[in-house]
Amino acid sequence: MSQQEEMHAAERERHNKLRILSIAFGSGIVIVGVLVILYAWQLWPFTSAVQSTENAYVRGQVTFISPQVSGYITAVNVVDLQPVHKGDVLMTIDDRIYKQRVDQAKAQLAMKRAALANNQQQQRSAEAVIVRNQAALENAKAQAVKSGLDLKRVENLVSDGSLSIRERDASRATNSQAVAEVQQAKATLEVSRQDLQTALVNRGSLEADVANALASLELAQIDLDNTRIIAPDEGQLGQISVRKGAYVTAGTRLTSVVPEQKWVIANMKETQMANIRPGLPVTFTVDALNNEKFTGEVEYISPAAGSEFSAISPDNATGNFVKIAQRIPVRIKITGDNVAHLRPGMSVEVDIDTSAAAKNDKGPQ
């Protein structure tokens, strides 16, 4: 073989090696791409019983502190980020006007109670008048009976000539007067009974006035009590947005209290929810705490996807639909002892072990 033929043979062998390398490299890229897709979608051979997400945050029941009355801040007894206990006085509002309103309401209540007591006296007086008028009526009836008997005797004596007609007429007039006095006594008794009924009716109105005055006093006392801004729960304050001397109105946000209770909300993809159940064990790490590990368990699962709770419901009617995996919020109860290190709003990475749920699903039905 000549030297030129040997060079051609070597060149062909080098081209063959390059072609084999390029084919192997391309095949490797395809395989890597397929593996990446399988891993991203958690398909075989990358399927795992542990469902993970980075879309998770620490949550807490942050309570915003706002006054229910308006006025000038006269004292601020706390500082930013200070721990507080339930019932601690955080701030006070000028209470002079509200004290006067309480005194005014007390005076109104005393006046209404006096009117009610006067009505009770009127009722007792009316009852005594009724007793007196009843006695007067009985007396009038007795006098009428006596007058009637006297008239009968006079009539008998006139018939035999023992008495004159003038004396008979006088007896008849006296008897008529006695009968009229009975009717008058009856009318007087009825008037006194109506006076008692009037007092009883007025009593209901006066009792309602007393109840109204008492309610006004309680409302004034509530406003006075609300001039003291109280910590609703034990926890830690946020930043204080007002200072002494500032004028605040009802609803102005003064500060906030973060209680000790905290939890985690993990927004899982809908494709991860098949085996997630309440009670499953959870581990998560916190970015802000050098990936410190915490433990917990699934407590609740949202009844709908997060998009269903948005103010504007997503609606794609243009025809260019792109399927996007929806997020299902999962509430995770923290079971570890180092909860004090957590702060609401921190980002966490959550791992939910669904192997227990898978075993239960395969068990006897």
Protein backbone atom coordinates (compact mmCIF):
# COMPACT_ATOMS: atom_id res chain seq x y z
CA MET A 1 0.00 0.00 0.00
CA SER A 2 1.36 3.37 -0.97
CA GLN A 3 1.78 6.24 1.45
CA GLN A 4 -1.08 8.17 -0.17
CA GLU A 5 -3.49 5.28 0.30
CA GLU A 6 -2.48 5.00 3.95
CA MET A 7 -3.27 8.72 4.44
CA HIS A 8 -6.71 8.27 2.84
CA ALA A 9 -7.42 5.29 5.08
CA ALA A 10 -6.40 7.25 8.20
CA GLU A 11 -8.58 10.17 7.12
CA ARG A 12 -11.61 7.89 6.64
CA GLU A 13 -11.03 6.31 10.06
CA ARG A 14 -10.87 9.77 11.69
CA HIS A 15 -14.15 10.81 9.98
CA ASN A 16 -15.81 7.60 11.18
CA LYS A 17 -14.73 8.28 14.78
CA LEU A 18 -16.04 11.87 14.59
CA ARG A 19 -19.36 10.66 13.19
CA ILE A 20 -19.68 8.08 15.96
CA LEU A 21 -18.84 10.73 18.59
CA SER A 22 -21.36 13.18 17.17
CA ILE A 23 -24.06 10.50 17.10
CA ALA A 24 -23.26 9.52 20.69
CA PHE A 25 -23.26 13.20 21.79
CA GLY A 26 -26.60 13.86 20.10
CA SER A 27 -28.08 10.73 21.60
CA GLY A 28 -26.78 11.83 25.01
CA ILE A 29 -28.42 15.24 24.63
CA VAL A 30 -31.75 13.58 23.70
CA ILE A 31 -31.52 11.21 26.65
CA VAL A 32 -30.67 14.05 29.03
CA GLY A 33 -33.58 16.10 27.66
CA VAL A 34 -35.98 13.19 28.13
CA LEU A 35 -34.70 12.64 31.68
CA VAL A 36 -35.12 16.33 32.50
CA ILE A 37 -38.73 16.24 31.25
CA LEU A 38 -39.45 13.07 33.21
CA TYR A 39 -37.93 14.62 36.33
CA ALA A 40 -39.85 17.87 35.91
CA TRP A 41 -43.14 15.99 35.62
CA GLN A 42 -42.15 13.46 38.29
CA LEU A 43 -42.69 10.55 35.90
CA TRP A 44 -40.98 7.15 35.94
CA PRO A 45 -38.20 6.57 36.94
CA PHE A 46 -38.30 9.74 39.05
CA THR A 47 -41.65 9.11 40.73
CA SER A 48 -41.52 9.63 44.50
CA ALA A 49 -43.91 9.33 47.43
CA VAL A 50 -42.67 12.72 48.66
CA GLN A 51 -44.47 15.70 47.13
CA SER A 52 -42.46 18.91 47.33
CA THR A 53 -43.00 22.58 46.62
CA GLU A 54 -41.15 25.86 47.10
CA ASN A 55 -44.39 27.84 46.87
CA ALA A 56 -45.02 27.84 50.62
CA TYR A 57 -44.96 30.46 53.36
CA VAL A 58 -45.27 30.75 57.12
CA ARG A 59 -48.57 32.28 58.19
CA GLY A 60 -49.80 33.75 61.47
CA GLN A 61 -52.95 35.35 62.83
CA VAL A 62 -51.76 38.94 62.57
CA THR A 63 -54.25 41.12 64.46
CA PHE A 64 -54.46 44.78 63.46
CA ILE A 65 -55.05 47.16 66.37
CA SER A 66 -57.44 50.05 65.66
CA PRO A 67 -59.45 52.33 67.97
CA GLN A 68 -63.24 52.36 68.11
CA VAL A 69 -63.40 56.02 69.14
CA SER A 70 -61.77 59.22 67.92
CA GLY A 71 -59.48 61.54 69.84
CA TYR A 72 -55.94 62.60 70.61
CA ILE A 73 -53.39 60.01 71.73
CA THR A 74 -52.39 60.95 75.29
CA ALA A 75 -49.96 58.08 76.01
CA VAL A 76 -48.07 55.36 74.14
CA ASN A 77 -46.96 52.70 76.62
CA VAL A 78 -45.14 50.35 74.24
CA VAL A 79 -42.40 50.44 71.61
CA ASP A 80 -41.97 48.78 68.23
CA LEU A 81 -41.71 44.95 68.24
CA GLN A 82 -42.30 44.70 72.01
CA PRO A 83 -43.74 41.45 73.43
CA VAL A 84 -47.08 42.03 75.15
CA HIS A 85 -49.58 40.06 77.23
CA LYS A 86 -53.34 39.90 76.82
CA GLY A 87 -54.94 42.89 78.53
CA ASP A 88 -51.87 45.15 78.48
CA VAL A 89 -52.68 48.83 77.89
CA LEU A 90 -50.90 49.79 74.69
CA MET A 91 -52.13 53.38 74.23
CA THR A 92 -54.70 55.78 75.66
CA ILE A 93 -56.95 58.34 73.98
CA ASP A 94 -58.04 61.61 75.60
CA ASP A 95 -61.07 60.53 77.66
CA ARG A 96 -62.40 63.83 79.05
CA ILE A 97 -65.29 64.11 76.60
CA TYR A 98 -66.22 60.46 77.10
CA LYS A 99 -66.21 60.84 80.91
CA GLN A 100 -68.62 63.76 80.61
CA ARG A 101 -70.87 61.68 78.39
CA VAL A 102 -70.92 58.96 81.03
CA ASP A 103 -71.85 61.51 83.72
CA GLN A 104 -74.55 62.93 81.46
CA ALA A 105 -75.97 59.45 80.86
CA LYS A 106 -75.95 58.77 84.62
CA ALA A 107 -77.91 61.99 85.24
CA GLN A 108 -80.47 61.03 82.59
CA LEU A 109 -80.82 57.60 84.16
CA ALA A 110 -81.36 59.11 87.63
CA MET A 111 -84.03 61.43 86.21
CA LYS A 112 -85.87 58.56 84.52
CA ARG A 113 -85.71 56.45 87.67
CA ALA A 114 -87.13 59.36 89.70
CA ALA A 115 -90.02 59.65 87.23
CA LEU A 116 -90.63 55.92 87.58
CA ALA A 117 -90.59 56.20 91.38
CA ASN A 118 -93.08 59.10 91.15
CA ASN A 119 -95.32 56.94 89.02
CA GLN A 120 -95.18 54.21 91.65
CA GLN A 121 -96.28 56.78 94.23
CA GLN A 122 -99.12 57.87 91.96
CA GLN A 123 -100.18 54.26 91.60
CA ARG A 124 -100.30 53.75 95.39
CA SER A 125 -102.24 57.02 95.78
CA ALA A 126 -104.73 55.94 93.11
CA GLU A 127 -105.22 52.61 94.86
CA ALA A 128 -105.94 54.46 98.17
CA VAL A 129 -108.45 56.73 96.42
CA ILE A 130 -110.22 53.67 95.03
CA VAL A 131 -110.54 52.23 98.55
CA ARG A 132 -111.92 55.56 99.82
CA ASN A 133 -114.41 55.83 96.96
CA GLN A 134 -115.52 52.26 97.48
CA ALA A 135 -116.27 53.12 101.10
CA ALA A 136 -118.12 56.25 100.01
CA LEU A 137 -120.19 54.17 97.62
CA GLU A 138 -121.13 51.70 100.32
CA ASN A 139 -122.09 54.60 102.60
CA ALA A 140 -124.24 56.13 99.83
CA LYS A 141 -125.96 52.81 99.27
CA ALA A 142 -126.69 52.51 102.99
CA GLN A 143 -128.10 56.03 103.08
CA ALA A 144 -130.25 55.24 100.05
CA VAL A 145 -131.63 52.13 101.75
CA LYS A 146 -132.43 54.13 104.93
CA SER A 147 -134.04 56.90 102.86
CA GLY A 148 -136.18 54.36 101.04
CA LEU A 149 -137.44 52.84 104.30
CA ASP A 150 -138.17 56.29 105.72
CA LEU A 151 -140.13 57.19 102.59
CA LYS A 152 -142.20 54.03 102.90
CA ARG A 153 -143.14 54.84 106.48
CA VAL A 154 -143.99 58.42 105.53
CA GLU A 155 -146.21 57.16 102.70
CA ASN A 156 -148.10 54.94 105.17
CA LEU A 157 -148.56 57.79 107.65
CA VAL A 158 -149.75 60.18 104.93
CA SER A 159 -152.37 57.68 103.81
CA ASP A 160 -154.01 57.63 107.26
CA GLY A 161 -153.65 61.39 107.73
CA SER A 162 -150.91 61.30 110.38
CA LEU A 163 -148.52 63.36 108.26
CA SER A 164 -148.99 66.12 105.76
CA ILE A 165 -148.38 65.93 102.05
CA ARG A 166 -145.61 68.48 102.40
CA GLU A 167 -143.67 66.13 104.68
CA ARG A 168 -144.26 63.33 102.19
CA ASP A 169 -142.80 65.44 99.35
CA ALA A 170 -139.81 66.31 101.50
CA SER A 171 -139.16 62.58 102.18
CA ARG A 172 -139.47 61.80 98.47
CA ALA A 173 -136.88 64.51 97.65
CA THR A 174 -134.53 63.18 100.32
CA ASN A 175 -134.84 59.65 98.90
CA SER A 176 -134.17 60.88 95.35
CA GLN A 177 -131.11 62.71 96.60
CA ALA A 178 -129.84 59.54 98.31
CA VAL A 179 -130.25 57.54 95.08
CA ALA A 180 -128.41 60.25 93.11
CA GLU A 181 -125.59 60.19 95.63
CA VAL A 182 -125.22 56.45 95.00
CA GLN A 183 -124.84 57.08 91.25
CA GLN A 184 -122.39 59.87 91.95
CA ALA A 185 -120.34 57.60 94.23
CA LYS A 186 -120.29 54.94 91.51
CA ALA A 187 -119.03 57.48 88.93
CA THR A 188 -116.38 58.75 91.33
CA LEU A 189 -115.19 55.18 91.94
CA GLU A 190 -114.97 54.55 88.18
CA VAL A 191 -112.93 57.76 87.71
CA SER A 192 -110.48 56.66 90.39
CA ARG A 193 -110.14 53.26 88.73
CA GLN A 194 -109.36 54.94 85.41
CA ASP A 195 -106.75 57.08 87.17
CA LEU A 196 -105.10 53.89 88.42
CA GLN A 197 -105.17 52.42 84.91
CA THR A 198 -103.53 55.58 83.56
CA ALA A 199 -100.77 55.26 86.14
CA LEU A 200 -100.24 51.62 85.18
CA VAL A 201 -100.00 52.50 81.46
CA ASN A 202 -97.57 55.32 82.16
CA ARG A 203 -95.47 52.93 84.23
CA GLY A 204 -94.70 50.83 81.14
CA SER A 205 -93.58 53.93 79.26
CA LEU A 206 -91.43 55.09 82.17
CA GLU A 207 -89.85 51.64 82.53
CA ALA A 208 -88.94 51.79 78.82
CA ASP A 209 -87.40 55.23 79.40
CA VAL A 210 -85.31 53.81 82.25
CA ALA A 211 -84.15 50.90 80.05
CA ASN A 212 -83.25 53.36 77.27
CA ALA A 213 -81.31 55.56 79.67
CA LEU A 214 -79.49 52.51 81.05
CA ALA A 215 -78.53 51.41 77.52
CA SER A 216 -77.26 54.94 76.76
CA LEU A 217 -75.14 54.79 79.93
CA GLU A 218 -73.70 51.43 78.90
CA LEU A 219 -72.86 52.76 75.42
CA ALA A 220 -71.17 55.81 76.93
CA GLN A 221 -69.23 53.54 79.29
CA ILE A 222 -68.14 51.35 76.36
CA ASP A 223 -66.83 54.42 74.53
CA LEU A 224 -64.98 55.47 77.68
CA ASP A 225 -63.45 52.01 78.06
CA ASN A 226 -62.41 52.06 74.40
CA THR A 227 -60.18 55.08 75.06
CA ARG A 228 -57.75 52.49 76.46
CA ILE A 229 -56.25 50.44 73.61
CA ILE A 230 -55.83 46.91 74.97
CA ALA A 231 -53.76 43.99 73.62
CA PRO A 232 -56.32 41.36 72.50
CA ASP A 233 -53.90 38.43 72.77
CA GLU A 234 -50.43 37.55 73.91
CA GLY A 235 -47.82 38.02 71.23
CA GLN A 236 -45.38 40.49 69.75
CA LEU A 237 -46.15 43.93 68.41
CA GLY A 238 -45.36 45.14 64.94
CA GLN A 239 -44.33 48.69 64.17
CA ILE A 240 -46.27 51.49 65.88
CA SER A 241 -47.62 53.97 63.36
CA VAL A 242 -48.71 56.78 65.74
CA ARG A 243 -47.09 58.86 68.45
CA LYS A 244 -48.32 60.81 71.45
CA GLY A 245 -50.38 63.84 70.47
CA ALA A 246 -51.60 62.42 67.15
CA TYR A 247 -55.31 62.62 66.37
CA VAL A 248 -56.83 59.27 65.39
CA THR A 249 -60.28 58.30 64.17
CA ALA A 250 -62.19 55.07 64.56
CA GLY A 251 -60.57 52.40 62.39
CA THR A 252 -57.12 54.04 62.15
CA ARG A 253 -54.45 51.30 62.12
CA LEU A 254 -52.22 51.90 65.14
CA THR A 255 -50.12 48.73 65.27
CA SER A 256 -50.54 44.96 65.05
CA VAL A 257 -50.08 41.94 67.32
CA VAL A 258 -48.64 38.65 66.08
CA PRO A 259 -49.70 35.76 68.39
CA GLU A 260 -47.57 32.70 69.06
CA GLN A 261 -49.69 30.41 66.89
CA LYS A 262 -48.22 29.91 63.41
CA TRP A 263 -48.77 27.52 60.52
CA VAL A 264 -47.60 26.94 56.93
CA ILE A 265 -49.61 27.33 53.74
CA ALA A 266 -48.17 25.21 50.91
CA ASN A 267 -49.56 25.89 47.43
CA MET A 268 -49.33 22.44 45.83
CA LYS A 269 -49.85 21.70 42.14
CA GLU A 270 -53.10 19.94 41.37
CA THR A 271 -51.07 17.08 39.87
CA GLN A 272 -49.54 16.48 43.32
CA MET A 273 -52.82 16.20 45.24
CA ALA A 274 -53.81 12.61 44.42
CA ASN A 275 -52.46 11.07 47.64
CA ILE A 276 -52.28 14.10 49.95
CA ARG A 277 -54.55 13.62 52.98
CA PRO A 278 -54.93 15.36 56.37
CA GLY A 279 -52.61 13.85 58.96
CA LEU A 280 -49.70 13.07 56.61
CA PRO A 281 -46.22 13.87 58.00
CA VAL A 282 -44.49 16.95 56.66
CA THR A 283 -40.95 18.28 56.83
CA PHE A 284 -39.95 21.74 55.68
CA THR A 285 -36.92 23.98 55.69
CA VAL A 286 -36.80 27.74 56.07
CA ASP A 287 -34.61 29.82 53.78
CA ALA A 288 -34.10 32.58 56.35
CA LEU A 289 -32.90 30.16 59.06
CA ASN A 290 -30.05 28.51 57.13
CA ASN A 291 -32.40 25.78 55.90
CA GLU A 292 -33.28 24.73 59.45
CA LYS A 293 -35.59 21.71 59.34
CA PHE A 294 -39.04 21.69 60.95
CA THR A 295 -41.72 19.02 61.25
CA GLY A 296 -45.46 19.17 60.88
CA GLU A 297 -48.52 17.43 59.49
CA VAL A 298 -51.20 18.19 56.94
CA GLU A 299 -54.09 19.82 58.81
CA TYR A 300 -56.54 21.03 56.16
CA ILE A 301 -56.83 21.04 52.37
CA SER A 302 -58.47 23.94 50.56
CA PRO A 303 -61.94 23.21 49.16
CA ALA A 304 -61.01 24.94 45.87
CA ALA A 305 -58.02 26.08 43.87
CA GLY A 306 -56.46 29.38 44.84
CA SER A 307 -57.67 31.02 41.63
CA GLU A 308 -61.28 30.47 42.71
CA PHE A 309 -60.78 32.84 45.66
CA SER A 310 -59.38 35.69 43.58
CA ALA A 311 -61.42 38.88 43.14
CA ILE A 312 -61.45 38.43 39.34
CA SER A 313 -62.08 34.87 38.20
CA PRO A 314 -59.73 33.83 35.36
CA ASP A 315 -61.59 33.29 32.09
CA ASN A 316 -59.91 32.63 28.74
CA ALA A 317 -62.43 32.87 25.91
CA THR A 318 -60.06 33.95 23.10
CA GLY A 319 -59.19 30.44 21.93
CA ASN A 320 -55.45 30.61 22.72
CA PHE A 321 -55.83 28.41 25.82
CA VAL A 322 -52.68 27.21 27.60
CA LYS A 323 -53.14 24.60 30.30
CA ILE A 324 -51.48 25.62 33.57
CA ALA A 325 -51.40 23.43 36.66
CA GLN A 326 -53.57 25.09 39.32
CA ARG A 327 -52.45 25.49 42.91
CA ILE A 328 -54.32 23.94 45.84
CA PRO A 329 -53.51 25.55 49.22
CA VAL A 330 -52.68 23.05 51.98
CA ARG A 331 -52.54 24.15 55.63
CA ILE A 332 -49.75 22.49 57.60
CA LYS A 333 -49.74 22.32 61.39
CA ILE A 334 -46.27 22.83 62.90
CA THR A 335 -45.45 20.11 65.43
CA GLY A 336 -41.86 20.98 66.32
CA ASP A 337 -40.63 22.81 69.41
CA ASN A 338 -38.69 25.58 67.67
CA VAL A 339 -41.74 27.48 66.41
CA ALA A 340 -40.54 30.69 68.09
CA HIS A 341 -37.90 31.10 65.38
CA LEU A 342 -40.53 31.33 62.65
CA ARG A 343 -41.98 34.62 61.45
CA PRO A 344 -45.13 35.01 59.31
CA GLY A 345 -44.22 35.64 55.69
CA MET A 346 -41.04 33.51 55.64
CA SER A 347 -40.49 31.35 52.56
CA VAL A 348 -40.21 27.61 53.16
CA GLU A 349 -39.67 24.45 51.13
CA VAL A 350 -42.19 21.73 51.97
CA ASP A 351 -41.95 17.95 51.60
CA ILE A 352 -45.12 15.89 52.19
CA ASP A 353 -44.65 12.14 52.58
CA THR A 354 -47.64 10.49 50.87
CA SER A 355 -46.43 6.92 51.33
CA ALA A 356 -48.78 6.39 54.29
CA ALA A 357 -51.76 7.50 52.19
CA ALA A 358 -50.68 5.20 49.33
CA LYS A 359 -50.47 2.21 51.72
CA ASN A 360 -53.94 2.96 53.11
CA ASP A 361 -55.37 3.18 49.59
CA LYS A 362 -53.94 -0.29 48.79
CA GLY A 363 -55.19 -1.83 52.01
CA PRO A 364 -58.42 -3.83 52.47
CA GLN A 365 -61.58 -1.94 51.68
